[in-house]
Amino acid sequence: MIVPRLLLFVDPEPRVGALNMALDEALLQKASLPILRVYRWRNRAVSFGYFGRIEEMERDWDGWELVRRWTGGGIVPHAEDFTYTLVVPKAEPFARESAPASYRAIHACVAEALAGRVGQTAALADEAAPKVSNACFQNPAQHDVLLGSEKVAGAAQRRTQSGLLHQGSIQLAGLDEAFGRALAGKFAGTVEE
């Protein structure tokens, strides 16, 4: 558990990438309680970090909807993945945790929720692997979630005067709203939908 109470927003409708990112930004700016937003993508999309280069994206991902995330990180394809955003307002003690500590705590919850769902032990990467490309899932970072040696969950964070924004993707097909509820239960003692 990382926060005592959490609002769970299972977004009922797949949305275009720009709207998904705008909703995350608005939640960060307006949230008074921690919020877990679970959402899907209307089109095959690729998100890239705040400092990514659009020219590279246009060259390498022709035919995919391209969207810049408000957080950092690498290139993430969104088709069958499970995508979530955790917003923690600045008044919450967890919003003041260091980036490595908060990343580890969030991904420990993800690993625990996954273990109950996929029947395998999910583990956190001990250290970052050497960077081989700008593709997020080819480069395990410290505290990313692994099944065996394969990275299955990664994320990026941004902190503002409003609080903490954590945007994550789990690259496993078949994770649904029930998994979102299980994940919310790992994040908080009390969950309101």
N, C-alpha and C. Protein backbone atom coordinates (compact mmCIF):
# COMPACT_ATOMS: atom_id res chain seq x y z
N MET A 1 0.84 -1.18 0.00
CA MET A 1 0.00 0.00 0.00
C MET A 1 0.89 1.24 0.00
N ILE A 2 0.58 2.16 -0.92
CA ILE A 2 1.38 3.39 -0.99
C ILE A 2 0.61 4.63 -0.58
N VAL A 3 -0.71 4.55 -0.65
CA VAL A 3 -1.56 5.65 -0.19
C VAL A 3 -2.73 5.05 0.58
N PRO A 4 -3.29 5.76 1.55
CA PRO A 4 -4.39 5.18 2.31
C PRO A 4 -5.68 5.06 1.51
N ARG A 5 -5.95 6.03 0.65
CA ARG A 5 -7.22 6.08 -0.08
C ARG A 5 -6.96 6.46 -1.53
N LEU A 6 -7.74 5.86 -2.43
CA LEU A 6 -7.51 6.05 -3.86
C LEU A 6 -8.84 6.08 -4.59
N LEU A 7 -8.95 6.96 -5.56
CA LEU A 7 -10.09 6.95 -6.48
C LEU A 7 -9.67 6.16 -7.72
N LEU A 8 -10.48 5.18 -8.11
CA LEU A 8 -10.21 4.39 -9.31
C LEU A 8 -11.13 4.88 -10.42
N PHE A 9 -10.54 5.26 -11.53
CA PHE A 9 -11.28 5.70 -12.70
C PHE A 9 -10.98 4.73 -13.83
N VAL A 10 -11.89 3.79 -14.07
CA VAL A 10 -11.76 2.88 -15.21
C VAL A 10 -12.44 3.59 -16.37
N ASP A 11 -11.64 4.18 -17.23
CA ASP A 11 -12.17 4.95 -18.35
C ASP A 11 -12.94 4.02 -19.27
N PRO A 12 -14.24 4.27 -19.47
CA PRO A 12 -15.07 3.31 -20.19
C PRO A 12 -14.87 3.29 -21.70
N GLU A 13 -14.19 4.29 -22.23
CA GLU A 13 -14.14 4.42 -23.67
C GLU A 13 -12.69 4.56 -24.16
N PRO A 14 -12.30 3.80 -25.20
CA PRO A 14 -10.96 4.00 -25.78
C PRO A 14 -10.87 5.42 -26.36
N ARG A 15 -9.75 6.06 -26.17
CA ARG A 15 -9.60 7.44 -26.62
C ARG A 15 -8.36 7.60 -27.50
N VAL A 16 -8.34 8.67 -28.30
CA VAL A 16 -7.16 8.98 -29.10
C VAL A 16 -6.04 9.39 -28.16
N GLY A 17 -4.82 9.24 -28.61
CA GLY A 17 -3.66 9.48 -27.76
C GLY A 17 -3.60 10.86 -27.14
N ALA A 18 -3.86 11.91 -27.94
CA ALA A 18 -3.77 13.27 -27.40
C ALA A 18 -4.76 13.48 -26.27
N LEU A 19 -5.95 12.91 -26.39
CA LEU A 19 -6.94 13.06 -25.32
C LEU A 19 -6.53 12.26 -24.09
N ASN A 20 -5.98 11.07 -24.28
CA ASN A 20 -5.47 10.30 -23.13
C ASN A 20 -4.44 11.11 -22.35
N MET A 21 -3.50 11.75 -23.06
CA MET A 21 -2.46 12.53 -22.38
C MET A 21 -3.05 13.78 -21.74
N ALA A 22 -4.01 14.42 -22.40
CA ALA A 22 -4.64 15.62 -21.84
C ALA A 22 -5.41 15.29 -20.57
N LEU A 23 -6.10 14.15 -20.55
CA LEU A 23 -6.82 13.74 -19.35
C LEU A 23 -5.86 13.51 -18.18
N ASP A 24 -4.72 12.88 -18.46
CA ASP A 24 -3.73 12.66 -17.40
C ASP A 24 -3.23 13.99 -16.84
N GLU A 25 -2.94 14.93 -17.73
CA GLU A 25 -2.46 16.24 -17.29
C GLU A 25 -3.53 16.96 -16.46
N ALA A 26 -4.78 16.92 -16.90
CA ALA A 26 -5.86 17.57 -16.17
C ALA A 26 -6.06 16.93 -14.79
N LEU A 27 -5.98 15.61 -14.72
CA LEU A 27 -6.11 14.94 -13.43
C LEU A 27 -5.01 15.38 -12.47
N LEU A 28 -3.79 15.50 -12.98
CA LEU A 28 -2.68 15.94 -12.13
C LEU A 28 -2.94 17.35 -11.60
N GLN A 29 -3.43 18.21 -12.44
CA GLN A 29 -3.64 19.60 -12.04
C GLN A 29 -4.81 19.77 -11.08
N LYS A 30 -5.80 18.89 -11.13
CA LYS A 30 -7.03 19.10 -10.36
C LYS A 30 -7.27 18.11 -9.23
N ALA A 31 -6.51 17.04 -9.15
CA ALA A 31 -6.80 15.98 -8.17
C ALA A 31 -6.57 16.45 -6.74
N SER A 32 -7.52 16.12 -5.88
CA SER A 32 -7.35 16.39 -4.45
C SER A 32 -7.10 15.09 -3.68
N LEU A 33 -7.35 13.96 -4.33
CA LEU A 33 -7.06 12.63 -3.78
C LEU A 33 -6.25 11.87 -4.82
N PRO A 34 -5.48 10.86 -4.41
CA PRO A 34 -4.80 10.02 -5.40
C PRO A 34 -5.82 9.36 -6.33
N ILE A 35 -5.45 9.29 -7.60
CA ILE A 35 -6.33 8.71 -8.63
C ILE A 35 -5.53 7.70 -9.44
N LEU A 36 -6.13 6.54 -9.65
CA LEU A 36 -5.61 5.56 -10.60
C LEU A 36 -6.56 5.57 -11.78
N ARG A 37 -6.04 5.95 -12.94
CA ARG A 37 -6.83 5.92 -14.18
C ARG A 37 -6.34 4.77 -15.03
N VAL A 38 -7.27 3.89 -15.41
CA VAL A 38 -6.99 2.76 -16.29
C VAL A 38 -7.66 3.07 -17.62
N TYR A 39 -6.90 2.99 -18.72
CA TYR A 39 -7.48 3.41 -19.99
C TYR A 39 -6.95 2.62 -21.18
N ARG A 40 -7.66 2.81 -22.30
CA ARG A 40 -7.32 2.12 -23.54
C ARG A 40 -7.15 3.15 -24.66
N TRP A 41 -6.68 2.67 -25.78
CA TRP A 41 -6.37 3.51 -26.92
C TRP A 41 -7.33 3.21 -28.07
N ARG A 42 -7.88 4.24 -28.68
CA ARG A 42 -8.80 4.05 -29.80
C ARG A 42 -8.08 3.48 -31.01
N ASN A 43 -6.88 3.97 -31.26
CA ASN A 43 -6.09 3.55 -32.42
C ASN A 43 -4.78 2.94 -31.96
N ARG A 44 -4.15 2.22 -32.85
CA ARG A 44 -2.78 1.77 -32.60
C ARG A 44 -1.93 3.03 -32.43
N ALA A 45 -1.29 3.15 -31.28
CA ALA A 45 -0.57 4.39 -30.98
C ALA A 45 0.80 4.09 -30.42
N VAL A 46 1.65 5.09 -30.50
CA VAL A 46 2.97 5.04 -29.89
C VAL A 46 3.15 6.32 -29.11
N SER A 47 3.45 6.17 -27.82
CA SER A 47 3.75 7.36 -27.03
C SER A 47 5.27 7.44 -26.85
N PHE A 48 5.73 8.66 -26.75
CA PHE A 48 7.16 8.87 -26.54
C PHE A 48 7.35 9.96 -25.50
N GLY A 49 8.49 9.89 -24.84
CA GLY A 49 8.75 10.76 -23.70
C GLY A 49 8.84 12.23 -24.06
N TYR A 50 8.72 13.03 -23.04
CA TYR A 50 8.70 14.47 -23.15
C TYR A 50 9.87 15.02 -23.97
N PHE A 51 11.02 14.37 -23.87
CA PHE A 51 12.21 14.87 -24.55
C PHE A 51 12.49 14.12 -25.86
N GLY A 52 11.57 13.25 -26.28
CA GLY A 52 11.75 12.50 -27.52
C GLY A 52 11.67 13.40 -28.75
N ARG A 53 12.19 12.88 -29.85
CA ARG A 53 12.21 13.66 -31.10
C ARG A 53 11.13 13.15 -32.05
N ILE A 54 10.25 14.05 -32.44
CA ILE A 54 9.13 13.69 -33.33
C ILE A 54 9.65 13.17 -34.67
N GLU A 55 10.77 13.68 -35.17
CA GLU A 55 11.30 13.24 -36.46
C GLU A 55 11.60 11.74 -36.45
N GLU A 56 12.18 11.26 -35.37
CA GLU A 56 12.48 9.83 -35.24
C GLU A 56 11.18 9.02 -35.21
N MET A 57 10.19 9.55 -34.52
CA MET A 57 8.92 8.84 -34.41
C MET A 57 8.24 8.74 -35.77
N GLU A 58 8.20 9.83 -36.49
CA GLU A 58 7.54 9.83 -37.81
C GLU A 58 8.24 8.88 -38.77
N ARG A 59 9.55 8.80 -38.69
CA ARG A 59 10.32 7.91 -39.56
C ARG A 59 10.09 6.44 -39.22
N ASP A 60 10.07 6.11 -37.93
CA ASP A 60 10.06 4.71 -37.51
C ASP A 60 8.68 4.12 -37.26
N TRP A 61 7.65 4.96 -37.11
CA TRP A 61 6.32 4.46 -36.74
C TRP A 61 5.24 4.95 -37.69
N ASP A 62 5.52 4.88 -38.97
CA ASP A 62 4.56 5.29 -39.99
C ASP A 62 3.27 4.48 -39.85
N GLY A 63 2.13 5.15 -39.88
CA GLY A 63 0.84 4.46 -39.78
C GLY A 63 0.33 4.33 -38.35
N TRP A 64 1.12 4.73 -37.37
CA TRP A 64 0.70 4.68 -35.96
C TRP A 64 0.37 6.10 -35.52
N GLU A 65 -0.59 6.23 -34.64
CA GLU A 65 -0.86 7.53 -34.02
C GLU A 65 0.29 7.84 -33.07
N LEU A 66 0.86 9.03 -33.19
CA LEU A 66 1.99 9.43 -32.35
C LEU A 66 1.53 10.43 -31.30
N VAL A 67 2.01 10.25 -30.08
CA VAL A 67 1.63 11.18 -29.01
C VAL A 67 2.79 11.32 -28.02
N ARG A 68 3.03 12.56 -27.65
CA ARG A 68 4.08 12.85 -26.67
C ARG A 68 3.48 12.75 -25.27
N ARG A 69 4.19 12.02 -24.39
CA ARG A 69 3.76 11.94 -22.98
C ARG A 69 4.27 13.15 -22.22
N TRP A 70 3.60 13.46 -21.15
CA TRP A 70 4.02 14.54 -20.28
C TRP A 70 5.19 14.10 -19.42
N THR A 71 5.40 12.81 -19.32
CA THR A 71 6.51 12.24 -18.56
C THR A 71 7.67 11.97 -19.52
N GLY A 72 8.78 11.51 -18.99
CA GLY A 72 9.93 11.17 -19.82
C GLY A 72 9.84 9.75 -20.32
N GLY A 73 10.98 9.15 -20.54
CA GLY A 73 11.02 7.75 -20.92
C GLY A 73 11.11 7.53 -22.41
N GLY A 74 11.10 6.25 -22.76
CA GLY A 74 11.31 5.84 -24.15
C GLY A 74 10.02 5.68 -24.93
N ILE A 75 10.15 4.99 -26.03
CA ILE A 75 9.06 4.76 -26.98
C ILE A 75 8.23 3.56 -26.53
N VAL A 76 6.90 3.74 -26.45
CA VAL A 76 6.02 2.68 -25.98
C VAL A 76 4.89 2.47 -26.98
N PRO A 77 4.80 1.29 -27.61
CA PRO A 77 3.65 0.99 -28.47
C PRO A 77 2.43 0.63 -27.63
N HIS A 78 1.28 1.13 -28.05
CA HIS A 78 0.03 0.86 -27.35
C HIS A 78 -0.95 0.21 -28.33
N ALA A 79 -1.22 -1.05 -28.10
CA ALA A 79 -2.20 -1.77 -28.91
C ALA A 79 -2.98 -2.69 -27.98
N GLU A 80 -2.31 -3.71 -27.46
CA GLU A 80 -2.96 -4.65 -26.54
C GLU A 80 -2.46 -4.50 -25.12
N ASP A 81 -1.70 -3.45 -24.85
CA ASP A 81 -1.13 -3.28 -23.51
C ASP A 81 -2.19 -2.80 -22.52
N PHE A 82 -1.85 -2.89 -21.26
CA PHE A 82 -2.66 -2.36 -20.16
C PHE A 82 -2.00 -1.04 -19.76
N THR A 83 -2.73 0.05 -19.88
CA THR A 83 -2.17 1.36 -19.63
C THR A 83 -2.85 1.98 -18.42
N TYR A 84 -2.04 2.60 -17.58
CA TYR A 84 -2.59 3.22 -16.37
C TYR A 84 -1.82 4.49 -16.04
N THR A 85 -2.47 5.35 -15.30
CA THR A 85 -1.84 6.55 -14.77
C THR A 85 -2.16 6.63 -13.29
N LEU A 86 -1.16 6.90 -12.50
CA LEU A 86 -1.35 7.14 -11.08
C LEU A 86 -1.00 8.60 -10.81
N VAL A 87 -1.96 9.34 -10.26
CA VAL A 87 -1.76 10.73 -9.89
C VAL A 87 -1.79 10.81 -8.37
N VAL A 88 -0.76 11.42 -7.79
CA VAL A 88 -0.69 11.58 -6.34
C VAL A 88 -0.50 13.07 -6.05
N PRO A 89 -1.52 13.73 -5.49
CA PRO A 89 -1.41 15.17 -5.20
C PRO A 89 -0.29 15.47 -4.22
N LYS A 90 0.22 16.69 -4.29
CA LYS A 90 1.38 17.08 -3.49
C LYS A 90 1.14 16.99 -1.99
N ALA A 91 -0.12 17.05 -1.54
CA ALA A 91 -0.40 16.97 -0.10
C ALA A 91 -0.15 15.57 0.46
N GLU A 92 -0.10 14.57 -0.39
CA GLU A 92 0.13 13.19 0.05
C GLU A 92 1.62 12.96 0.31
N PRO A 93 1.98 12.33 1.42
CA PRO A 93 3.41 12.06 1.70
C PRO A 93 4.10 11.29 0.57
N PHE A 94 3.37 10.39 -0.10
CA PHE A 94 3.99 9.59 -1.16
C PHE A 94 4.48 10.47 -2.31
N ALA A 95 3.85 11.61 -2.54
CA ALA A 95 4.26 12.50 -3.63
C ALA A 95 5.65 13.09 -3.38
N ARG A 96 6.10 13.04 -2.14
CA ARG A 96 7.40 13.60 -1.80
C ARG A 96 8.51 12.54 -1.75
N GLU A 97 8.17 11.29 -2.03
CA GLU A 97 9.19 10.23 -2.10
C GLU A 97 10.13 10.54 -3.27
N SER A 98 11.35 10.09 -3.18
CA SER A 98 12.28 10.26 -4.30
C SER A 98 11.77 9.47 -5.51
N ALA A 99 12.24 9.86 -6.69
CA ALA A 99 11.81 9.15 -7.90
C ALA A 99 12.14 7.66 -7.83
N PRO A 100 13.37 7.26 -7.46
CA PRO A 100 13.64 5.82 -7.39
C PRO A 100 12.76 5.10 -6.36
N ALA A 101 12.52 5.73 -5.22
CA ALA A 101 11.71 5.07 -4.18
C ALA A 101 10.25 4.94 -4.61
N SER A 102 9.70 5.98 -5.22
CA SER A 102 8.30 5.89 -5.64
C SER A 102 8.15 4.92 -6.81
N TYR A 103 9.09 4.92 -7.73
CA TYR A 103 9.05 4.00 -8.87
C TYR A 103 9.09 2.56 -8.38
N ARG A 104 9.99 2.30 -7.43
CA ARG A 104 10.11 0.95 -6.88
C ARG A 104 8.83 0.53 -6.16
N ALA A 105 8.27 1.41 -5.34
CA ALA A 105 7.06 1.08 -4.58
C ALA A 105 5.88 0.80 -5.51
N ILE A 106 5.71 1.63 -6.52
CA ILE A 106 4.61 1.43 -7.48
C ILE A 106 4.79 0.12 -8.22
N HIS A 107 6.02 -0.14 -8.69
CA HIS A 107 6.24 -1.37 -9.45
C HIS A 107 6.21 -2.62 -8.59
N ALA A 108 6.50 -2.50 -7.31
CA ALA A 108 6.32 -3.64 -6.42
C ALA A 108 4.84 -4.01 -6.35
N CYS A 109 3.96 -3.01 -6.32
CA CYS A 109 2.51 -3.27 -6.34
C CYS A 109 2.09 -3.90 -7.66
N VAL A 110 2.64 -3.40 -8.77
CA VAL A 110 2.34 -3.97 -10.09
C VAL A 110 2.77 -5.43 -10.14
N ALA A 111 3.97 -5.72 -9.66
CA ALA A 111 4.48 -7.10 -9.67
C ALA A 111 3.59 -8.01 -8.84
N GLU A 112 3.16 -7.52 -7.69
CA GLU A 112 2.29 -8.32 -6.82
C GLU A 112 0.94 -8.58 -7.49
N ALA A 113 0.36 -7.57 -8.12
CA ALA A 113 -0.92 -7.75 -8.82
C ALA A 113 -0.76 -8.70 -10.00
N LEU A 114 0.35 -8.60 -10.72
CA LEU A 114 0.59 -9.49 -11.86
C LEU A 114 0.75 -10.93 -11.42
N ALA A 115 1.46 -11.15 -10.32
CA ALA A 115 1.69 -12.52 -9.85
C ALA A 115 0.36 -13.21 -9.57
N GLY A 116 -0.60 -12.48 -9.06
CA GLY A 116 -1.92 -13.05 -8.82
C GLY A 116 -2.70 -13.30 -10.08
N ARG A 117 -2.32 -12.65 -11.17
CA ARG A 117 -3.06 -12.76 -12.42
C ARG A 117 -2.45 -13.74 -13.41
N VAL A 118 -1.12 -13.72 -13.55
CA VAL A 118 -0.48 -14.54 -14.59
C VAL A 118 0.08 -15.84 -14.05
N GLY A 119 0.05 -16.01 -12.73
CA GLY A 119 0.51 -17.27 -12.15
C GLY A 119 2.01 -17.46 -12.17
N GLN A 120 2.75 -16.41 -12.43
CA GLN A 120 4.20 -16.46 -12.40
C GLN A 120 4.71 -15.43 -11.41
N THR A 121 5.89 -15.62 -10.95
CA THR A 121 6.49 -14.64 -10.06
C THR A 121 7.05 -13.50 -10.90
N ALA A 122 6.55 -12.32 -10.64
CA ALA A 122 7.09 -11.12 -11.28
C ALA A 122 8.12 -10.53 -10.33
N ALA A 123 9.21 -10.03 -10.89
CA ALA A 123 10.29 -9.48 -10.08
C ALA A 123 10.65 -8.09 -10.58
N LEU A 124 11.31 -7.33 -9.74
CA LEU A 124 11.80 -6.01 -10.13
C LEU A 124 13.24 -6.13 -10.59
N ALA A 125 13.57 -5.41 -11.65
CA ALA A 125 14.95 -5.40 -12.15
C ALA A 125 15.85 -4.77 -11.09
N ASP A 126 16.96 -5.43 -10.79
CA ASP A 126 17.89 -4.93 -9.78
C ASP A 126 18.61 -3.67 -10.23
N GLU A 127 18.91 -3.62 -11.51
CA GLU A 127 19.63 -2.47 -12.06
C GLU A 127 19.24 -2.27 -13.50
N ALA A 128 19.58 -1.13 -14.05
CA ALA A 128 19.27 -0.84 -15.44
C ALA A 128 20.16 -1.66 -16.35
N ALA A 129 19.58 -2.14 -17.43
CA ALA A 129 20.36 -2.85 -18.45
C ALA A 129 21.00 -1.80 -19.37
N PRO A 130 22.06 -2.17 -20.07
CA PRO A 130 22.64 -1.22 -21.04
C PRO A 130 21.58 -0.84 -22.09
N LYS A 131 21.53 0.43 -22.42
CA LYS A 131 20.55 0.92 -23.38
C LYS A 131 20.89 0.44 -24.77
N VAL A 132 19.93 -0.24 -25.42
CA VAL A 132 20.15 -0.75 -26.77
C VAL A 132 19.35 0.02 -27.82
N SER A 133 18.32 0.75 -27.40
CA SER A 133 17.52 1.55 -28.33
C SER A 133 16.68 2.53 -27.52
N ASN A 134 15.86 3.30 -28.22
CA ASN A 134 14.94 4.21 -27.54
C ASN A 134 13.62 3.54 -27.20
N ALA A 135 13.49 2.26 -27.52
CA ALA A 135 12.26 1.52 -27.21
C ALA A 135 12.26 1.14 -25.74
N CYS A 136 11.25 1.60 -25.03
CA CYS A 136 11.17 1.39 -23.58
C CYS A 136 11.32 -0.08 -23.19
N PHE A 137 10.64 -0.96 -23.89
CA PHE A 137 10.60 -2.36 -23.46
C PHE A 137 11.80 -3.17 -23.92
N GLN A 138 12.76 -2.55 -24.60
CA GLN A 138 14.02 -3.21 -24.90
C GLN A 138 15.11 -2.81 -23.91
N ASN A 139 14.75 -1.93 -22.98
CA ASN A 139 15.73 -1.39 -22.04
C ASN A 139 15.20 -1.44 -20.62
N PRO A 140 15.34 -2.56 -19.92
CA PRO A 140 14.88 -2.58 -18.54
C PRO A 140 15.64 -1.56 -17.69
N ALA A 141 14.88 -0.73 -17.00
CA ALA A 141 15.46 0.21 -16.05
C ALA A 141 15.37 -0.40 -14.66
N GLN A 142 16.12 0.14 -13.73
CA GLN A 142 16.05 -0.36 -12.36
C GLN A 142 14.61 -0.25 -11.87
N HIS A 143 14.12 -1.31 -11.27
CA HIS A 143 12.78 -1.43 -10.69
C HIS A 143 11.67 -1.63 -11.71
N ASP A 144 12.00 -1.85 -13.00
CA ASP A 144 10.97 -2.26 -13.94
C ASP A 144 10.53 -3.68 -13.58
N VAL A 145 9.37 -4.07 -14.07
CA VAL A 145 8.82 -5.38 -13.73
C VAL A 145 9.19 -6.39 -14.81
N LEU A 146 9.73 -7.53 -14.36
CA LEU A 146 10.17 -8.60 -15.25
C LEU A 146 9.38 -9.87 -14.98
N LEU A 147 9.10 -10.60 -16.04
CA LEU A 147 8.67 -12.00 -15.94
C LEU A 147 9.79 -12.79 -16.56
N GLY A 148 10.50 -13.53 -15.74
CA GLY A 148 11.74 -14.16 -16.20
C GLY A 148 12.73 -13.05 -16.48
N SER A 149 13.28 -13.02 -17.69
CA SER A 149 14.21 -11.96 -18.06
C SER A 149 13.55 -10.91 -18.95
N GLU A 150 12.25 -11.05 -19.20
CA GLU A 150 11.54 -10.14 -20.11
C GLU A 150 10.88 -9.00 -19.34
N LYS A 151 11.15 -7.77 -19.78
CA LYS A 151 10.49 -6.61 -19.20
C LYS A 151 9.05 -6.58 -19.67
N VAL A 152 8.11 -6.55 -18.72
CA VAL A 152 6.69 -6.51 -19.08
C VAL A 152 5.99 -5.25 -18.59
N ALA A 153 6.60 -4.51 -17.66
CA ALA A 153 5.99 -3.28 -17.17
C ALA A 153 7.06 -2.22 -16.97
N GLY A 154 6.77 -1.06 -17.53
CA GLY A 154 7.64 0.09 -17.38
C GLY A 154 6.79 1.33 -17.20
N ALA A 155 7.44 2.42 -16.87
CA ALA A 155 6.70 3.65 -16.62
C ALA A 155 7.65 4.83 -16.65
N ALA A 156 7.06 6.00 -16.57
CA ALA A 156 7.82 7.24 -16.44
C ALA A 156 7.05 8.15 -15.49
N GLN A 157 7.80 9.06 -14.87
CA GLN A 157 7.19 9.95 -13.88
C GLN A 157 7.52 11.40 -14.18
N ARG A 158 6.65 12.25 -13.66
CA ARG A 158 6.92 13.68 -13.66
C ARG A 158 6.36 14.26 -12.38
N ARG A 159 7.12 15.16 -11.80
CA ARG A 159 6.66 15.86 -10.61
C ARG A 159 6.47 17.33 -10.96
N THR A 160 5.35 17.89 -10.48
CA THR A 160 5.07 19.30 -10.68
C THR A 160 4.65 19.89 -9.34
N GLN A 161 4.29 21.15 -9.34
CA GLN A 161 3.79 21.77 -8.11
C GLN A 161 2.48 21.13 -7.67
N SER A 162 1.80 20.43 -8.57
CA SER A 162 0.53 19.77 -8.24
C SER A 162 0.74 18.40 -7.61
N GLY A 163 1.86 17.75 -7.89
CA GLY A 163 2.10 16.42 -7.34
C GLY A 163 2.87 15.52 -8.29
N LEU A 164 2.60 14.22 -8.20
CA LEU A 164 3.31 13.18 -8.95
C LEU A 164 2.40 12.60 -10.02
N LEU A 165 2.92 12.51 -11.23
CA LEU A 165 2.26 11.84 -12.35
C LEU A 165 3.11 10.65 -12.72
N HIS A 166 2.52 9.45 -12.66
CA HIS A 166 3.21 8.20 -13.01
C HIS A 166 2.40 7.55 -14.12
N GLN A 167 2.97 7.44 -15.33
CA GLN A 167 2.28 6.83 -16.47
C GLN A 167 2.95 5.50 -16.77
N GLY A 168 2.15 4.42 -16.76
CA GLY A 168 2.72 3.09 -16.93
C GLY A 168 2.03 2.26 -17.99
N SER A 169 2.79 1.30 -18.50
CA SER A 169 2.28 0.36 -19.49
C SER A 169 2.73 -1.04 -19.09
N ILE A 170 1.80 -1.98 -19.20
CA ILE A 170 2.12 -3.39 -18.98
C ILE A 170 1.87 -4.09 -20.32
N GLN A 171 2.91 -4.63 -20.89
CA GLN A 171 2.85 -5.20 -22.23
C GLN A 171 2.44 -6.67 -22.19
N LEU A 172 1.25 -6.91 -21.67
CA LEU A 172 0.66 -8.24 -21.66
C LEU A 172 -0.77 -8.12 -22.12
N ALA A 173 -1.16 -8.92 -23.09
CA ALA A 173 -2.54 -8.91 -23.57
C ALA A 173 -3.44 -9.58 -22.54
N GLY A 174 -4.69 -9.18 -22.52
CA GLY A 174 -5.69 -9.85 -21.69
C GLY A 174 -5.88 -9.26 -20.31
N LEU A 175 -5.12 -8.25 -19.94
CA LEU A 175 -5.36 -7.59 -18.66
C LEU A 175 -6.55 -6.66 -18.82
N ASP A 176 -7.48 -6.71 -17.88
CA ASP A 176 -8.75 -6.01 -18.06
C ASP A 176 -9.08 -5.15 -16.84
N GLU A 177 -10.35 -4.73 -16.78
CA GLU A 177 -10.80 -3.89 -15.66
C GLU A 177 -10.62 -4.59 -14.32
N ALA A 178 -10.80 -5.90 -14.29
CA ALA A 178 -10.62 -6.64 -13.03
C ALA A 178 -9.17 -6.53 -12.56
N PHE A 179 -8.24 -6.56 -13.50
CA PHE A 179 -6.84 -6.36 -13.12
C PHE A 179 -6.64 -4.95 -12.60
N GLY A 180 -7.28 -3.97 -13.22
CA GLY A 180 -7.20 -2.59 -12.74
C GLY A 180 -7.68 -2.47 -11.31
N ARG A 181 -8.76 -3.16 -10.98
CA ARG A 181 -9.28 -3.14 -9.61
C ARG A 181 -8.29 -3.82 -8.64
N ALA A 182 -7.70 -4.93 -9.08
CA ALA A 182 -6.72 -5.62 -8.24
C ALA A 182 -5.50 -4.73 -8.01
N LEU A 183 -5.06 -4.02 -9.05
CA LEU A 183 -3.92 -3.12 -8.92
C LEU A 183 -4.25 -1.98 -7.96
N ALA A 184 -5.45 -1.41 -8.07
CA ALA A 184 -5.87 -0.35 -7.15
C ALA A 184 -5.81 -0.82 -5.71
N GLY A 185 -6.22 -2.08 -5.49
CA GLY A 185 -6.19 -2.65 -4.15
C GLY A 185 -4.79 -2.84 -3.60
N LYS A 186 -3.81 -2.96 -4.48
CA LYS A 186 -2.40 -3.03 -4.04
C LYS A 186 -1.87 -1.63 -3.70
N PHE A 187 -2.37 -0.61 -4.41
CA PHE A 187 -1.90 0.75 -4.19
C PHE A 187 -2.47 1.37 -2.91
N ALA A 188 -3.71 0.99 -2.55
CA ALA A 188 -4.39 1.71 -1.46
C ALA A 188 -5.17 0.79 -0.56
N GLY A 189 -5.35 1.22 0.68
CA GLY A 189 -6.16 0.48 1.64
C GLY A 189 -7.65 0.59 1.33
N THR A 190 -8.08 1.77 0.88
CA THR A 190 -9.48 2.00 0.52
C THR A 190 -9.53 2.50 -0.92
N VAL A 191 -10.37 1.83 -1.71
CA VAL A 191 -10.52 2.20 -3.13
C VAL A 191 -11.98 2.55 -3.38
N GLU A 192 -12.20 3.70 -3.98
CA GLU A 192 -13.53 4.12 -4.41
C GLU A 192 -13.52 4.24 -5.92
N GLU A 193 -14.53 3.64 -6.55
CA GLU A 193 -14.57 3.68 -8.02
C GLU A 193 -15.45 4.81 -8.48
